[in-house]
Amino acid sequence: MVSKAVVKYVHALQQKKYRLRHGAFLVEGGKSVRELLSSGLLTERVFLTAEFAAKIGQELPTDVPVEIISEAELTQLGTLSTNNTALAVARIPAEPALPPSAAGLLLALDEVRDPGNLGTLIRLADWYGLTGIVCSETCADPWNPKTVAATMGSFTRVHIWQRELPQWLGTLPGATPIYGADLAGDNVHRLALAPEGVLVMGSESHGLRPEVHARLTRRLHIPGRGGAESLNVAVSAGILLDNFFRQL
């Protein structure tokens, strides 16, 4: 049985204010926990079922508490509707220094408030080998359990910075290309884009704020043929990113 104090602590980490207070976050599901254990991030505690423990025994740390619990206890402990593998508590990593100029291609997100979308965008950044993601302070919390789960382990490899986005974009060297999606922009399929600069994505419902849109140096359009009003922000980012890297 997990102690009441530990249950209270784990449940508290489902809320942002307690994640910030304790400097810790939840990692749920076997794949994500295995990614955590093989990464350089610090793990506080691991909970897992006996069956999963038998499967990954050699991967388990010897210097942190590991508790074998039932599937029912594991599910009640976390946020997933069912969990028959593992849950871990990890330390929020220190934010690395943000380069003064965009080295390679950076992804910047303006008010992307859905944790699932943010997690998918982190996974996309990992797939294309981006340096990291700069999030506006109004984005979803990158350490929200739903965000972490949606990254499918990419949270261990992608740097996240949170900044006041218009201000940060204004500090970049003048020659830095700053791209953003715009219905009146250039057809992205007809361009030869180099993976350098910043690609800014906004929420699908509101787009970029005017003060962020004003910082763009080039506007990109994804042409469509059907009647959909808009694309999901992660889908749009995937299409645009692929056009930056299609020559490689």
C-alpha atoms as a PDB file:
ATOM      1  CA  MET A   1       0.000   0.000   0.000  1.00  0.00           C
ATOM      2  CA  VAL A   2       1.203   3.487  -0.884  1.00  0.00           C
ATOM      3  CA  SER A   3       1.248   5.750   2.182  1.00  0.00           C
ATOM      4  CA  LYS A   4      -1.380   8.482   2.468  1.00  0.00           C
ATOM      5  CA  ALA A   5       1.329  11.153   2.479  1.00  0.00           C
ATOM      6  CA  VAL A   6       2.791   9.892  -0.797  1.00  0.00           C
ATOM      7  CA  VAL A   7      -0.668   9.589  -2.389  1.00  0.00           C
ATOM      8  CA  LYS A   8      -1.405  13.186  -1.371  1.00  0.00           C
ATOM      9  CA  TYR A   9       1.905  14.362  -2.834  1.00  0.00           C
ATOM     10  CA  VAL A  10       1.409  12.539  -6.154  1.00  0.00           C
ATOM     11  CA  HIS A  11      -2.160  13.805  -6.472  1.00  0.00           C
ATOM     12  CA  ALA A  12      -0.975  17.362  -5.756  1.00  0.00           C
ATOM     13  CA  LEU A  13       1.384  17.190  -8.731  1.00  0.00           C
ATOM     14  CA  GLN A  14      -1.630  17.024 -11.021  1.00  0.00           C
ATOM     15  CA  GLN A  15      -1.961  20.785 -10.392  1.00  0.00           C
ATOM     16  CA  LYS A  16       0.449  23.359 -11.789  1.00  0.00           C
ATOM     17  CA  LYS A  17       0.846  25.339  -8.578  1.00  0.00           C
ATOM     18  CA  TYR A  18       2.088  22.269  -6.730  1.00  0.00           C
ATOM     19  CA  ARG A  19       4.352  21.220  -9.583  1.00  0.00           C
ATOM     20  CA  LEU A  20       5.977  24.647  -9.357  1.00  0.00           C
ATOM     21  CA  ARG A  21       6.100  24.525  -5.570  1.00  0.00           C
ATOM     22  CA  HIS A  22       7.747  21.104  -5.439  1.00  0.00           C
ATOM     23  CA  GLY A  23       9.704  21.345  -8.680  1.00  0.00           C
ATOM     24  CA  ALA A  24       8.382  17.957  -9.761  1.00  0.00           C
ATOM     25  CA  PHE A  25       6.014  16.429 -12.314  1.00  0.00           C
ATOM     26  CA  LEU A  26       4.306  13.138 -13.158  1.00  0.00           C
ATOM     27  CA  VAL A  27       5.306  10.714 -15.885  1.00  0.00           C
ATOM     28  CA  GLU A  28       2.665   8.086 -16.684  1.00  0.00           C
ATOM     29  CA  GLY A  29       2.674   4.969 -18.838  1.00  0.00           C
ATOM     30  CA  GLY A  30       5.318   2.378 -19.488  1.00  0.00           C
ATOM     31  CA  LYS A  31       6.916   3.972 -22.564  1.00  0.00           C
ATOM     32  CA  SER A  32       7.219   7.412 -20.990  1.00  0.00           C
ATOM     33  CA  VAL A  33       8.604   6.040 -17.719  1.00  0.00           C
ATOM     34  CA  ARG A  34      11.202   3.972 -19.585  1.00  0.00           C
ATOM     35  CA  GLU A  35      12.212   7.078 -21.542  1.00  0.00           C
ATOM     36  CA  LEU A  36      12.558   8.955 -18.260  1.00  0.00           C
ATOM     37  CA  LEU A  37      14.707   6.251 -16.663  1.00  0.00           C
ATOM     38  CA  SER A  38      17.074   6.176 -19.641  1.00  0.00           C
ATOM     39  CA  SER A  39      17.392   9.973 -19.787  1.00  0.00           C
ATOM     40  CA  GLY A  40      19.442  12.444 -17.798  1.00  0.00           C
ATOM     41  CA  LEU A  41      16.399  13.739 -15.911  1.00  0.00           C
ATOM     42  CA  LEU A  42      16.244  13.070 -12.188  1.00  0.00           C
ATOM     43  CA  THR A  43      13.670  10.561 -10.960  1.00  0.00           C
ATOM     44  CA  GLU A  44      12.265  10.873  -7.435  1.00  0.00           C
ATOM     45  CA  ARG A  45      10.117   7.771  -7.190  1.00  0.00           C
ATOM     46  CA  VAL A  46       8.712   4.976  -9.352  1.00  0.00           C
ATOM     47  CA  PHE A  47       5.475   3.006  -8.988  1.00  0.00           C
ATOM     48  CA  LEU A  48       4.786   0.007 -11.191  1.00  0.00           C
ATOM     49  CA  THR A  49       2.873  -3.231 -11.422  1.00  0.00           C
ATOM     50  CA  ALA A  50       4.623  -6.516 -10.698  1.00  0.00           C
ATOM     51  CA  GLU A  51       4.170  -7.628 -14.304  1.00  0.00           C
ATOM     52  CA  PHE A  52       5.823  -4.492 -15.687  1.00  0.00           C
ATOM     53  CA  ALA A  53       8.574  -4.643 -13.073  1.00  0.00           C
ATOM     54  CA  ALA A  54       9.433  -8.152 -14.252  1.00  0.00           C
ATOM     55  CA  LYS A  55       9.646  -6.837 -17.816  1.00  0.00           C
ATOM     56  CA  ILE A  56      11.979  -3.882 -17.157  1.00  0.00           C
ATOM     57  CA  GLY A  57      13.739  -5.013 -13.980  1.00  0.00           C
ATOM     58  CA  GLN A  58      17.251  -4.187 -15.195  1.00  0.00           C
ATOM     59  CA  GLU A  59      16.188  -0.648 -16.112  1.00  0.00           C
ATOM     60  CA  LEU A  60      14.942   0.219 -12.613  1.00  0.00           C
ATOM     61  CA  PRO A  61      17.087   2.626 -10.591  1.00  0.00           C
ATOM     62  CA  THR A  62      18.769   1.427  -7.423  1.00  0.00           C
ATOM     63  CA  ASP A  63      19.065   4.858  -5.826  1.00  0.00           C
ATOM     64  CA  VAL A  64      15.383   5.950  -5.750  1.00  0.00           C
ATOM     65  CA  PRO A  65      12.301   4.392  -4.111  1.00  0.00           C
ATOM     66  CA  VAL A  66      10.543   1.814  -6.285  1.00  0.00           C
ATOM     67  CA  GLU A  67       7.120   0.529  -5.207  1.00  0.00           C
ATOM     68  CA  ILE A  68       5.269  -2.460  -6.658  1.00  0.00           C
ATOM     69  CA  ILE A  69       1.529  -1.832  -6.527  1.00  0.00           C
ATOM     70  CA  SER A  70      -1.633  -3.198  -8.116  1.00  0.00           C
ATOM     71  CA  GLU A  71      -3.074  -1.931 -11.400  1.00  0.00           C
ATOM     72  CA  ALA A  72      -6.039  -0.484  -9.495  1.00  0.00           C
ATOM     73  CA  GLU A  73      -3.751   1.444  -7.113  1.00  0.00           C
ATOM     74  CA  LEU A  74      -1.628   2.689 -10.016  1.00  0.00           C
ATOM     75  CA  THR A  75      -4.685   3.939 -11.905  1.00  0.00           C
ATOM     76  CA  GLN A  76      -6.051   5.695  -8.815  1.00  0.00           C
ATOM     77  CA  LEU A  77      -2.685   7.339  -8.239  1.00  0.00           C
ATOM     78  CA  GLY A  78      -2.435   9.047 -11.619  1.00  0.00           C
ATOM     79  CA  THR A  79      -4.560  10.747 -14.271  1.00  0.00           C
ATOM     80  CA  LEU A  80      -4.902   7.993 -16.882  1.00  0.00           C
ATOM     81  CA  SER A  81      -8.227   6.177 -17.166  1.00  0.00           C
ATOM     82  CA  THR A  82      -6.298   2.896 -16.921  1.00  0.00           C
ATOM     83  CA  ASN A  83      -2.633   2.243 -16.200  1.00  0.00           C
ATOM     84  CA  ASN A  84      -1.237  -1.284 -15.972  1.00  0.00           C
ATOM     85  CA  THR A  85       2.446  -0.364 -16.306  1.00  0.00           C
ATOM     86  CA  ALA A  86       4.100   2.487 -14.430  1.00  0.00           C
ATOM     87  CA  LEU A  87       4.053   6.000 -13.000  1.00  0.00           C
ATOM     88  CA  ALA A  88       7.037   8.066 -11.892  1.00  0.00           C
ATOM     89  CA  VAL A  89       7.701  11.371 -10.170  1.00  0.00           C
ATOM     90  CA  ALA A  90      10.511  13.334 -11.829  1.00  0.00           C
ATOM     91  CA  ARG A  91      12.245  16.616 -11.103  1.00  0.00           C
ATOM     92  CA  ILE A  92      11.506  19.545 -13.402  1.00  0.00           C
ATOM     93  CA  PRO A  93      14.841  20.187 -15.140  1.00  0.00           C
ATOM     94  CA  ALA A  94      16.581  23.524 -14.877  1.00  0.00           C
ATOM     95  CA  GLU A  95      15.951  25.664 -17.926  1.00  0.00           C
ATOM     96  CA  PRO A  96      19.084  25.746 -20.110  1.00  0.00           C
ATOM     97  CA  ALA A  97      20.429  29.002 -21.465  1.00  0.00           C
ATOM     98  CA  LEU A  98      18.451  30.218 -24.470  1.00  0.00           C
ATOM     99  CA  PRO A  99      20.841  31.126 -27.306  1.00  0.00           C
ATOM    100  CA  PRO A 100      20.800  34.868 -28.092  1.00  0.00           C
ATOM    101  CA  SER A 101      20.269  34.011 -31.746  1.00  0.00           C
ATOM    102  CA  ALA A 102      18.314  31.133 -33.224  1.00  0.00           C
ATOM    103  CA  ALA A 103      20.780  28.322 -33.947  1.00  0.00           C
ATOM    104  CA  GLY A 104      19.141  26.129 -36.574  1.00  0.00           C
ATOM    105  CA  LEU A 105      15.359  26.210 -36.454  1.00  0.00           C
ATOM    106  CA  LEU A 106      13.423  26.960 -33.291  1.00  0.00           C
ATOM    107  CA  LEU A 107       9.699  26.456 -32.844  1.00  0.00           C
ATOM    108  CA  ALA A 108       7.858  29.217 -30.972  1.00  0.00           C
ATOM    109  CA  LEU A 109       4.292  28.825 -29.704  1.00  0.00           C
ATOM    110  CA  ASP A 110       1.870  31.645 -29.002  1.00  0.00           C
ATOM    111  CA  GLU A 111      -0.980  30.842 -26.600  1.00  0.00           C
ATOM    112  CA  VAL A 112      -1.200  27.136 -27.471  1.00  0.00           C
ATOM    113  CA  ARG A 113      -3.270  26.232 -24.430  1.00  0.00           C
ATOM    114  CA  ASP A 114      -4.266  22.638 -25.093  1.00  0.00           C
ATOM    115  CA  PRO A 115      -1.864  20.236 -23.298  1.00  0.00           C
ATOM    116  CA  GLY A 116      -2.367  17.521 -25.907  1.00  0.00           C
ATOM    117  CA  ASN A 117      -1.453  19.875 -28.747  1.00  0.00           C
ATOM    118  CA  LEU A 118       1.602  21.109 -26.858  1.00  0.00           C
ATOM    119  CA  GLY A 119       2.729  17.535 -26.234  1.00  0.00           C
ATOM    120  CA  THR A 120       2.346  16.654 -29.908  1.00  0.00           C
ATOM    121  CA  LEU A 121       4.338  19.759 -30.874  1.00  0.00           C
ATOM    122  CA  ILE A 122       7.126  18.721 -28.508  1.00  0.00           C
ATOM    123  CA  ARG A 123       7.111  15.306 -30.186  1.00  0.00           C
ATOM    124  CA  LEU A 124       7.315  16.978 -33.611  1.00  0.00           C
ATOM    125  CA  ALA A 125      10.269  19.074 -32.460  1.00  0.00           C
ATOM    126  CA  ASP A 126      11.991  15.883 -31.340  1.00  0.00           C
ATOM    127  CA  TRP A 127      11.267  14.146 -34.670  1.00  0.00           C
ATOM    128  CA  TYR A 128      12.837  16.964 -36.686  1.00  0.00           C
ATOM    129  CA  GLY A 129      15.737  17.461 -34.282  1.00  0.00           C
ATOM    130  CA  LEU A 130      14.911  21.046 -33.347  1.00  0.00           C
ATOM    131  CA  THR A 131      16.964  22.802 -30.703  1.00  0.00           C
ATOM    132  CA  GLY A 132      13.863  23.385 -28.623  1.00  0.00           C
ATOM    133  CA  ILE A 133      10.582  25.247 -28.249  1.00  0.00           C
ATOM    134  CA  VAL A 134       9.977  28.768 -26.962  1.00  0.00           C
ATOM    135  CA  CYS A 135       6.507  29.011 -25.403  1.00  0.00           C
ATOM    136  CA  SER A 136       4.635  32.159 -24.566  1.00  0.00           C
ATOM    137  CA  GLU A 137       3.820  32.437 -20.881  1.00  0.00           C
ATOM    138  CA  THR A 138       0.162  31.813 -21.791  1.00  0.00           C
ATOM    139  CA  CYS A 139       0.814  28.384 -23.312  1.00  0.00           C
ATOM    140  CA  ALA A 140      -0.181  25.170 -21.582  1.00  0.00           C
ATOM    141  CA  ASP A 141       2.188  23.925 -18.902  1.00  0.00           C
ATOM    142  CA  PRO A 142       4.835  21.678 -20.514  1.00  0.00           C
ATOM    143  CA  TRP A 143       4.866  19.571 -17.311  1.00  0.00           C
ATOM    144  CA  ASN A 144       1.113  18.965 -17.249  1.00  0.00           C
ATOM    145  CA  PRO A 145       0.550  15.155 -17.155  1.00  0.00           C
ATOM    146  CA  LYS A 146      -1.465  15.364 -20.388  1.00  0.00           C
ATOM    147  CA  THR A 147       1.334  17.274 -22.108  1.00  0.00           C
ATOM    148  CA  VAL A 148       3.973  14.824 -20.910  1.00  0.00           C
ATOM    149  CA  ALA A 149       1.892  11.828 -22.016  1.00  0.00           C
ATOM    150  CA  ALA A 150       1.302  13.314 -25.479  1.00  0.00           C
ATOM    151  CA  THR A 151       5.046  13.743 -26.062  1.00  0.00           C
ATOM    152  CA  MET A 152       5.472   9.937 -25.961  1.00  0.00           C
ATOM    153  CA  GLY A 153       8.845  10.357 -24.248  1.00  0.00           C
ATOM    154  CA  SER A 154      10.076  13.368 -26.229  1.00  0.00           C
ATOM    155  CA  PHE A 155       9.865  15.515 -23.078  1.00  0.00           C
ATOM    156  CA  THR A 156      13.255  14.036 -22.146  1.00  0.00           C
ATOM    157  CA  ARG A 157      15.006  15.403 -25.259  1.00  0.00           C
ATOM    158  CA  VAL A 158      13.424  18.753 -26.187  1.00  0.00           C
ATOM    159  CA  HIS A 159      14.386  21.940 -24.354  1.00  0.00           C
ATOM    160  CA  ILE A 160      11.477  24.200 -23.378  1.00  0.00           C
ATOM    161  CA  TRP A 161      11.776  27.900 -22.660  1.00  0.00           C
ATOM    162  CA  GLN A 162       8.926  30.138 -21.499  1.00  0.00           C
ATOM    163  CA  ARG A 163       9.206  33.777 -22.517  1.00  0.00           C
ATOM    164  CA  GLU A 164       7.153  36.889 -23.148  1.00  0.00           C
ATOM    165  CA  LEU A 165       7.051  36.064 -26.845  1.00  0.00           C
ATOM    166  CA  PRO A 166       6.805  39.465 -28.629  1.00  0.00           C
ATOM    167  CA  GLN A 167       9.609  40.799 -26.453  1.00  0.00           C
ATOM    168  CA  TRP A 168      11.839  37.778 -27.059  1.00  0.00           C
ATOM    169  CA  LEU A 169      11.282  37.892 -30.827  1.00  0.00           C
ATOM    170  CA  GLY A 170      12.297  41.546 -30.721  1.00  0.00           C
ATOM    171  CA  THR A 171      15.680  40.660 -29.206  1.00  0.00           C
ATOM    172  CA  LEU A 172      16.706  38.399 -32.103  1.00  0.00           C
ATOM    173  CA  PRO A 173      19.310  39.690 -34.576  1.00  0.00           C
ATOM    174  CA  GLY A 174      17.744  41.624 -37.441  1.00  0.00           C
ATOM    175  CA  ALA A 175      18.692  39.034 -40.050  1.00  0.00           C
ATOM    176  CA  THR A 176      16.889  36.207 -38.238  1.00  0.00           C
ATOM    177  CA  PRO A 177      14.023  34.845 -40.348  1.00  0.00           C
ATOM    178  CA  ILE A 178      10.785  34.675 -38.353  1.00  0.00           C
ATOM    179  CA  TYR A 179       8.099  32.600 -40.057  1.00  0.00           C
ATOM    180  CA  GLY A 180       4.431  32.248 -39.249  1.00  0.00           C
ATOM    181  CA  ALA A 181       1.280  30.789 -40.777  1.00  0.00           C
ATOM    182  CA  ASP A 182      -0.995  33.242 -42.570  1.00  0.00           C
ATOM    183  CA  LEU A 183      -3.846  32.692 -45.069  1.00  0.00           C
ATOM    184  CA  ALA A 184      -2.426  35.557 -47.120  1.00  0.00           C
ATOM    185  CA  GLY A 185       1.115  34.203 -46.992  1.00  0.00           C
ATOM    186  CA  ASP A 186       3.283  32.496 -49.617  1.00  0.00           C
ATOM    187  CA  ASN A 187       2.374  28.974 -50.736  1.00  0.00           C
ATOM    188  CA  VAL A 188       4.751  26.870 -48.636  1.00  0.00           C
ATOM    189  CA  HIS A 189       4.923  24.127 -51.288  1.00  0.00           C
ATOM    190  CA  ARG A 190       6.499  26.526 -53.777  1.00  0.00           C
ATOM    191  CA  LEU A 191       9.303  27.683 -51.488  1.00  0.00           C
ATOM    192  CA  ALA A 192      12.778  26.335 -50.775  1.00  0.00           C
ATOM    193  CA  LEU A 193      13.066  26.917 -47.035  1.00  0.00           C
ATOM    194  CA  ALA A 194      16.242  26.466 -45.028  1.00  0.00           C
ATOM    195  CA  PRO A 195      15.858  25.139 -41.450  1.00  0.00           C
ATOM    196  CA  GLU A 196      17.109  28.328 -39.825  1.00  0.00           C
ATOM    197  CA  GLY A 197      15.339  30.970 -37.776  1.00  0.00           C
ATOM    198  CA  VAL A 198      12.055  30.723 -35.876  1.00  0.00           C
ATOM    199  CA  LEU A 199       8.725  29.188 -36.884  1.00  0.00           C
ATOM    200  CA  VAL A 200       5.907  30.721 -34.834  1.00  0.00           C
ATOM    201  CA  MET A 201       2.619  28.861 -34.415  1.00  0.00           C
ATOM    202  CA  GLY A 202      -0.517  30.164 -32.726  1.00  0.00           C
ATOM    203  CA  SER A 203      -3.702  28.558 -31.480  1.00  0.00           C
ATOM    204  CA  GLU A 204      -6.016  27.284 -34.221  1.00  0.00           C
ATOM    205  CA  SER A 205      -8.954  29.272 -32.866  1.00  0.00           C
ATOM    206  CA  HIS A 206      -7.276  32.679 -32.524  1.00  0.00           C
ATOM    207  CA  GLY A 207      -4.045  32.509 -34.525  1.00  0.00           C
ATOM    208  CA  LEU A 208      -1.139  34.741 -33.592  1.00  0.00           C
ATOM    209  CA  ARG A 209      -1.666  37.784 -31.426  1.00  0.00           C
ATOM    210  CA  PRO A 210      -1.208  41.049 -33.397  1.00  0.00           C
ATOM    211  CA  GLU A 211       1.961  41.921 -31.476  1.00  0.00           C
ATOM    212  CA  VAL A 212       3.457  38.522 -32.366  1.00  0.00           C
ATOM    213  CA  HIS A 213       2.220  38.645 -35.974  1.00  0.00           C
ATOM    214  CA  ALA A 214       3.949  42.013 -36.373  1.00  0.00           C
ATOM    215  CA  ARG A 215       7.321  40.362 -35.676  1.00  0.00           C
ATOM    216  CA  LEU A 216       7.082  37.958 -38.628  1.00  0.00           C
ATOM    217  CA  THR A 217       9.484  38.474 -41.512  1.00  0.00           C
ATOM    218  CA  ARG A 218       7.792  35.914 -43.783  1.00  0.00           C
ATOM    219  CA  ARG A 219       4.274  34.535 -43.833  1.00  0.00           C
ATOM    220  CA  LEU A 220       3.555  30.983 -44.979  1.00  0.00           C
ATOM    221  CA  HIS A 221       0.317  29.527 -46.303  1.00  0.00           C
ATOM    222  CA  ILE A 222      -0.674  25.856 -46.482  1.00  0.00           C
ATOM    223  CA  PRO A 223      -3.012  25.577 -49.496  1.00  0.00           C
ATOM    224  CA  GLY A 224      -6.112  23.453 -49.085  1.00  0.00           C
ATOM    225  CA  ARG A 225      -8.778  22.142 -51.451  1.00  0.00           C
ATOM    226  CA  GLY A 226     -11.637  21.261 -49.144  1.00  0.00           C
ATOM    227  CA  GLY A 227     -14.045  23.147 -46.942  1.00  0.00           C
ATOM    228  CA  ALA A 228     -12.362  22.914 -43.520  1.00  0.00           C
ATOM    229  CA  GLU A 229     -12.045  26.299 -41.857  1.00  0.00           C
ATOM    230  CA  SER A 230      -8.669  25.594 -40.277  1.00  0.00           C
ATOM    231  CA  LEU A 231      -6.096  22.952 -39.383  1.00  0.00           C
ATOM    232  CA  ASN A 232      -5.115  21.728 -35.951  1.00  0.00           C
ATOM    233  CA  VAL A 233      -2.007  23.629 -34.814  1.00  0.00           C
ATOM    234  CA  ALA A 234       0.080  20.466 -34.493  1.00  0.00           C
ATOM    235  CA  VAL A 235      -0.982  19.288 -37.971  1.00  0.00           C
ATOM    236  CA  SER A 236      -0.107  22.694 -39.425  1.00  0.00           C
ATOM    237  CA  ALA A 237       3.265  22.699 -37.680  1.00  0.00           C
ATOM    238  CA  GLY A 238       4.001  19.214 -39.010  1.00  0.00           C
ATOM    239  CA  ILE A 239       3.275  20.266 -42.588  1.00  0.00           C
ATOM    240  CA  LEU A 240       5.369  23.417 -42.304  1.00  0.00           C
ATOM    241  CA  LEU A 241       8.283  21.676 -40.596  1.00  0.00           C
ATOM    242  CA  ASP A 242       8.367  19.031 -43.291  1.00  0.00           C
ATOM    243  CA  ASN A 243       8.760  21.751 -45.892  1.00  0.00           C
ATOM    244  CA  PHE A 244      11.760  23.166 -44.007  1.00  0.00           C
ATOM    245  CA  PHE A 245      13.451  19.767 -43.996  1.00  0.00           C
ATOM    246  CA  ARG A 246      12.330  18.223 -47.292  1.00  0.00           C
ATOM    247  CA  GLN A 247      15.610  19.137 -49.038  1.00  0.00           C
ATOM    248  CA  LEU A 248      17.701  17.279 -46.445  1.00  0.00           C
END
